Amino acid sequence: MADLKVLCGANYYEQKFYLNPAYEVLPQSVKDELKVMCVLFVQEVSGIIILEFNDEGSLRIVVTSRDDDMYFDEIGSELKVRRMQKEHEELFRQLEEYYNAVSG
């Protein structure tokens, strides 16, 4: 189920949010929360954030940046990821359950 691995992401450089079309069936409130979460993240620290599922079905938050991005806040991004994981723990758990149910 490689097409289900990436849930969503936001790119500061292109000013874009991406939601994998395979997840269009999620409730609108969940999609909205994911969008706000990702967009606010890149607005605060720059870079690119991707929410994806690993091989065990756990949701991972991957943050990268361009090598020439002098505004990227690496320490701030790590702190923000931890805060997101804590604040959205229930949502992430439910998304993991959904992913594991549909990916088999």
N, C-alpha and C. Protein backbone atom coordinates (compact mmCIF):
# COMPACT_ATOMS: atom_id res chain seq x y z
N MET A 1 0.82 -1.20 0.00
CA MET A 1 0.00 0.00 0.00
C MET A 1 0.86 1.26 0.00
N ALA A 2 1.80 1.34 -0.91
CA ALA A 2 2.72 2.47 -0.94
C ALA A 2 2.00 3.79 -1.14
N ASP A 3 0.87 3.78 -1.83
CA ASP A 3 0.15 5.02 -2.07
C ASP A 3 -0.50 5.57 -0.80
N LEU A 4 -0.56 4.79 0.26
CA LEU A 4 -1.16 5.25 1.50
C LEU A 4 -0.12 5.75 2.50
N LYS A 5 1.16 5.60 2.22
CA LYS A 5 2.20 5.95 3.18
C LYS A 5 2.16 7.41 3.60
N VAL A 6 2.13 8.33 2.64
CA VAL A 6 2.11 9.76 2.95
C VAL A 6 0.68 10.19 3.20
N LEU A 7 0.45 10.78 4.36
CA LEU A 7 -0.88 11.29 4.70
C LEU A 7 -1.04 12.70 4.16
N CYS A 8 -0.13 13.59 4.54
CA CYS A 8 -0.23 14.98 4.11
C CYS A 8 1.09 15.69 4.35
N GLY A 9 1.17 16.92 3.89
CA GLY A 9 2.37 17.70 4.11
C GLY A 9 2.16 19.14 3.70
N ALA A 10 3.11 19.96 4.11
CA ALA A 10 3.09 21.38 3.73
C ALA A 10 4.50 21.80 3.39
N ASN A 11 4.60 22.69 2.41
CA ASN A 11 5.89 23.14 1.90
C ASN A 11 5.93 24.67 2.00
N TYR A 12 6.81 25.18 2.84
CA TYR A 12 6.94 26.62 3.02
C TYR A 12 7.40 27.29 1.74
N TYR A 13 8.31 26.65 1.01
CA TYR A 13 8.93 27.25 -0.16
C TYR A 13 7.93 27.43 -1.31
N GLU A 14 7.04 26.48 -1.46
CA GLU A 14 6.04 26.56 -2.53
C GLU A 14 4.69 27.07 -2.03
N GLN A 15 4.59 27.30 -0.72
CA GLN A 15 3.34 27.77 -0.10
C GLN A 15 2.18 26.85 -0.48
N LYS A 16 2.39 25.54 -0.28
CA LYS A 16 1.38 24.56 -0.65
C LYS A 16 1.15 23.55 0.45
N PHE A 17 -0.08 23.07 0.51
CA PHE A 17 -0.46 21.97 1.39
C PHE A 17 -0.89 20.81 0.50
N TYR A 18 -0.51 19.61 0.88
CA TYR A 18 -0.87 18.42 0.12
C TYR A 18 -1.56 17.42 1.04
N LEU A 19 -2.70 16.94 0.60
CA LEU A 19 -3.39 15.83 1.27
C LEU A 19 -3.47 14.70 0.26
N ASN A 20 -2.95 13.56 0.61
CA ASN A 20 -2.99 12.40 -0.26
C ASN A 20 -4.45 12.12 -0.63
N PRO A 21 -4.78 12.04 -1.92
CA PRO A 21 -6.16 11.79 -2.35
C PRO A 21 -6.75 10.51 -1.77
N ALA A 22 -5.91 9.57 -1.38
CA ALA A 22 -6.41 8.34 -0.77
C ALA A 22 -7.11 8.61 0.57
N TYR A 23 -6.87 9.78 1.15
CA TYR A 23 -7.46 10.13 2.45
C TYR A 23 -8.60 11.14 2.33
N GLU A 24 -9.10 11.36 1.15
CA GLU A 24 -10.22 12.28 0.95
C GLU A 24 -11.47 11.83 1.71
N VAL A 25 -11.54 10.54 2.06
CA VAL A 25 -12.71 10.01 2.77
C VAL A 25 -12.72 10.39 4.25
N LEU A 26 -11.62 10.93 4.75
CA LEU A 26 -11.58 11.36 6.15
C LEU A 26 -12.60 12.48 6.37
N PRO A 27 -13.12 12.59 7.59
CA PRO A 27 -14.05 13.69 7.88
C PRO A 27 -13.40 15.04 7.60
N GLN A 28 -14.21 15.98 7.14
CA GLN A 28 -13.70 17.31 6.81
C GLN A 28 -13.00 17.96 8.00
N SER A 29 -13.50 17.74 9.20
CA SER A 29 -12.87 18.34 10.38
C SER A 29 -11.45 17.82 10.58
N VAL A 30 -11.21 16.55 10.28
CA VAL A 30 -9.87 15.96 10.40
C VAL A 30 -8.96 16.55 9.33
N LYS A 31 -9.46 16.63 8.10
CA LYS A 31 -8.66 17.21 7.02
C LYS A 31 -8.31 18.67 7.32
N ASP A 32 -9.27 19.41 7.86
CA ASP A 32 -9.02 20.81 8.21
C ASP A 32 -7.97 20.92 9.31
N GLU A 33 -8.06 20.05 10.31
CA GLU A 33 -7.10 20.08 11.42
C GLU A 33 -5.69 19.76 10.92
N LEU A 34 -5.58 18.78 10.03
CA LEU A 34 -4.28 18.43 9.47
C LEU A 34 -3.70 19.60 8.68
N LYS A 35 -4.54 20.26 7.91
CA LYS A 35 -4.08 21.39 7.11
C LYS A 35 -3.59 22.53 7.99
N VAL A 36 -4.37 22.89 8.97
CA VAL A 36 -3.99 23.98 9.87
C VAL A 36 -2.69 23.63 10.59
N MET A 37 -2.60 22.41 11.08
CA MET A 37 -1.42 21.96 11.81
C MET A 37 -0.15 22.07 10.95
N CYS A 38 -0.23 21.58 9.74
CA CYS A 38 0.95 21.57 8.85
C CYS A 38 1.31 22.97 8.36
N VAL A 39 0.32 23.73 7.96
CA VAL A 39 0.58 25.07 7.44
C VAL A 39 1.15 25.98 8.53
N LEU A 40 0.58 25.92 9.72
CA LEU A 40 1.11 26.74 10.82
C LEU A 40 2.54 26.34 11.15
N PHE A 41 2.83 25.04 11.07
CA PHE A 41 4.17 24.55 11.36
C PHE A 41 5.18 25.20 10.43
N VAL A 42 4.95 25.12 9.13
CA VAL A 42 5.94 25.67 8.18
C VAL A 42 5.97 27.20 8.21
N GLN A 43 4.88 27.83 8.58
CA GLN A 43 4.91 29.29 8.71
C GLN A 43 5.79 29.71 9.88
N GLU A 44 5.81 28.89 10.93
CA GLU A 44 6.60 29.22 12.11
C GLU A 44 8.08 28.88 11.97
N VAL A 45 8.40 27.74 11.35
CA VAL A 45 9.79 27.30 11.34
C VAL A 45 10.39 27.18 9.94
N SER A 46 9.57 27.38 8.89
CA SER A 46 10.01 27.24 7.51
C SER A 46 10.11 25.75 7.17
N GLY A 47 10.70 25.42 6.05
CA GLY A 47 10.92 24.03 5.69
C GLY A 47 9.72 23.31 5.12
N ILE A 48 9.79 21.99 5.22
CA ILE A 48 8.76 21.09 4.70
C ILE A 48 8.41 20.10 5.80
N ILE A 49 7.12 19.88 6.00
CA ILE A 49 6.67 18.88 6.96
C ILE A 49 5.85 17.84 6.21
N ILE A 50 6.09 16.57 6.54
CA ILE A 50 5.32 15.48 5.95
C ILE A 50 4.87 14.56 7.08
N LEU A 51 3.60 14.22 7.09
CA LEU A 51 3.08 13.21 8.00
C LEU A 51 2.92 11.94 7.19
N GLU A 52 3.59 10.88 7.63
CA GLU A 52 3.58 9.63 6.89
C GLU A 52 3.53 8.46 7.86
N PHE A 53 3.13 7.33 7.34
CA PHE A 53 3.07 6.11 8.14
C PHE A 53 4.30 5.27 7.85
N ASN A 54 4.92 4.72 8.92
CA ASN A 54 6.06 3.84 8.71
C ASN A 54 5.56 2.41 8.45
N ASP A 55 6.47 1.48 8.30
CA ASP A 55 6.10 0.11 7.96
C ASP A 55 5.28 -0.57 9.05
N GLU A 56 5.40 -0.09 10.29
CA GLU A 56 4.62 -0.67 11.40
C GLU A 56 3.25 -0.01 11.55
N GLY A 57 2.97 1.00 10.73
CA GLY A 57 1.69 1.68 10.80
C GLY A 57 1.64 2.84 11.77
N SER A 58 2.79 3.26 12.27
CA SER A 58 2.84 4.41 13.17
C SER A 58 3.01 5.68 12.35
N LEU A 59 2.37 6.74 12.80
CA LEU A 59 2.45 8.03 12.12
C LEU A 59 3.76 8.72 12.51
N ARG A 60 4.51 9.13 11.50
CA ARG A 60 5.77 9.84 11.71
C ARG A 60 5.64 11.26 11.18
N ILE A 61 6.33 12.16 11.83
CA ILE A 61 6.41 13.53 11.36
C ILE A 61 7.83 13.76 10.87
N VAL A 62 7.96 14.03 9.57
CA VAL A 62 9.27 14.22 8.96
C VAL A 62 9.40 15.69 8.56
N VAL A 63 10.48 16.31 9.01
CA VAL A 63 10.72 17.73 8.71
C VAL A 63 12.06 17.84 7.99
N THR A 64 12.04 18.55 6.87
CA THR A 64 13.26 18.80 6.12
C THR A 64 13.31 20.28 5.73
N SER A 65 14.47 20.68 5.25
CA SER A 65 14.60 22.06 4.76
C SER A 65 15.63 22.09 3.64
N ARG A 66 15.60 23.17 2.90
CA ARG A 66 16.62 23.39 1.88
C ARG A 66 17.95 23.70 2.59
N ASP A 67 19.03 23.31 1.96
CA ASP A 67 20.35 23.59 2.53
C ASP A 67 20.62 25.08 2.66
N ASP A 68 20.04 25.87 1.76
CA ASP A 68 20.30 27.31 1.76
C ASP A 68 19.26 28.11 2.56
N ASP A 69 18.40 27.43 3.31
CA ASP A 69 17.36 28.11 4.09
C ASP A 69 17.93 28.57 5.42
N MET A 70 18.33 29.83 5.48
CA MET A 70 18.92 30.37 6.70
C MET A 70 17.86 30.70 7.75
N TYR A 71 16.59 30.65 7.37
CA TYR A 71 15.51 30.95 8.31
C TYR A 71 14.97 29.71 8.99
N PHE A 72 15.35 28.52 8.50
CA PHE A 72 14.84 27.28 9.10
C PHE A 72 15.35 27.16 10.52
N ASP A 73 14.43 26.91 11.43
CA ASP A 73 14.74 26.80 12.85
C ASP A 73 14.74 25.32 13.23
N GLU A 74 15.90 24.69 13.18
CA GLU A 74 15.99 23.25 13.43
C GLU A 74 15.60 22.89 14.86
N ILE A 75 16.09 23.62 15.81
CA ILE A 75 15.76 23.35 17.21
C ILE A 75 14.28 23.62 17.46
N GLY A 76 13.79 24.73 16.93
CA GLY A 76 12.38 25.06 17.08
C GLY A 76 11.48 24.03 16.43
N SER A 77 11.93 23.47 15.31
CA SER A 77 11.11 22.47 14.62
C SER A 77 11.02 21.20 15.44
N GLU A 78 12.12 20.79 16.07
CA GLU A 78 12.09 19.59 16.91
C GLU A 78 11.17 19.78 18.10
N LEU A 79 11.23 20.95 18.71
CA LEU A 79 10.34 21.24 19.84
C LEU A 79 8.88 21.27 19.40
N LYS A 80 8.64 21.87 18.24
CA LYS A 80 7.27 21.96 17.72
C LYS A 80 6.73 20.58 17.37
N VAL A 81 7.57 19.70 16.82
CA VAL A 81 7.13 18.33 16.51
C VAL A 81 6.70 17.63 17.79
N ARG A 82 7.51 17.75 18.83
CA ARG A 82 7.15 17.10 20.11
C ARG A 82 5.84 17.66 20.66
N ARG A 83 5.66 18.96 20.55
CA ARG A 83 4.42 19.59 21.03
C ARG A 83 3.22 19.10 20.20
N MET A 84 3.40 18.99 18.88
CA MET A 84 2.33 18.49 18.02
C MET A 84 1.95 17.06 18.41
N GLN A 85 2.96 16.22 18.65
CA GLN A 85 2.70 14.84 19.01
C GLN A 85 1.90 14.74 20.31
N LYS A 86 2.20 15.63 21.24
CA LYS A 86 1.49 15.62 22.52
C LYS A 86 0.08 16.19 22.37
N GLU A 87 -0.04 17.35 21.71
CA GLU A 87 -1.33 18.02 21.58
C GLU A 87 -2.31 17.25 20.70
N HIS A 88 -1.80 16.51 19.73
CA HIS A 88 -2.66 15.80 18.78
C HIS A 88 -2.55 14.29 18.92
N GLU A 89 -2.18 13.85 20.12
CA GLU A 89 -1.97 12.43 20.38
C GLU A 89 -3.19 11.59 20.01
N GLU A 90 -4.36 12.04 20.41
CA GLU A 90 -5.59 11.28 20.13
C GLU A 90 -5.87 11.22 18.63
N LEU A 91 -5.74 12.34 17.94
CA LEU A 91 -5.95 12.36 16.49
C LEU A 91 -4.97 11.42 15.80
N PHE A 92 -3.70 11.49 16.19
CA PHE A 92 -2.69 10.64 15.56
C PHE A 92 -2.99 9.16 15.82
N ARG A 93 -3.43 8.84 17.03
CA ARG A 93 -3.77 7.45 17.35
C ARG A 93 -4.92 6.96 16.47
N GLN A 94 -5.92 7.81 16.31
CA GLN A 94 -7.07 7.44 15.47
C GLN A 94 -6.66 7.29 14.00
N LEU A 95 -5.78 8.15 13.52
CA LEU A 95 -5.29 8.04 12.15
C LEU A 95 -4.49 6.74 11.95
N GLU A 96 -3.71 6.37 12.96
CA GLU A 96 -2.97 5.11 12.89
C GLU A 96 -3.92 3.92 12.84
N GLU A 97 -4.97 3.97 13.64
CA GLU A 97 -5.96 2.89 13.62
C GLU A 97 -6.63 2.81 12.25
N TYR A 98 -6.97 3.95 11.70
CA TYR A 98 -7.59 3.98 10.37
C TYR A 98 -6.62 3.41 9.33
N TYR A 99 -5.40 3.87 9.35
CA TYR A 99 -4.39 3.41 8.40
C TYR A 99 -4.23 1.88 8.48
N ASN A 100 -4.10 1.37 9.69
CA ASN A 100 -3.90 -0.07 9.86
C ASN A 100 -5.12 -0.87 9.43
N ALA A 101 -6.29 -0.28 9.56
CA ALA A 101 -7.52 -0.96 9.13
C ALA A 101 -7.61 -1.02 7.60
N VAL A 102 -7.26 0.07 6.93
CA VAL A 102 -7.41 0.10 5.47
C VAL A 102 -6.22 -0.49 4.73
N SER A 103 -5.06 -0.55 5.39
CA SER A 103 -3.89 -1.09 4.69
C SER A 103 -3.72 -2.59 4.91
N GLY A 104 -4.55 -3.12 5.74
CA GLY A 104 -4.62 -4.54 5.84
C GLY A 104 -3.88 -5.25 6.85
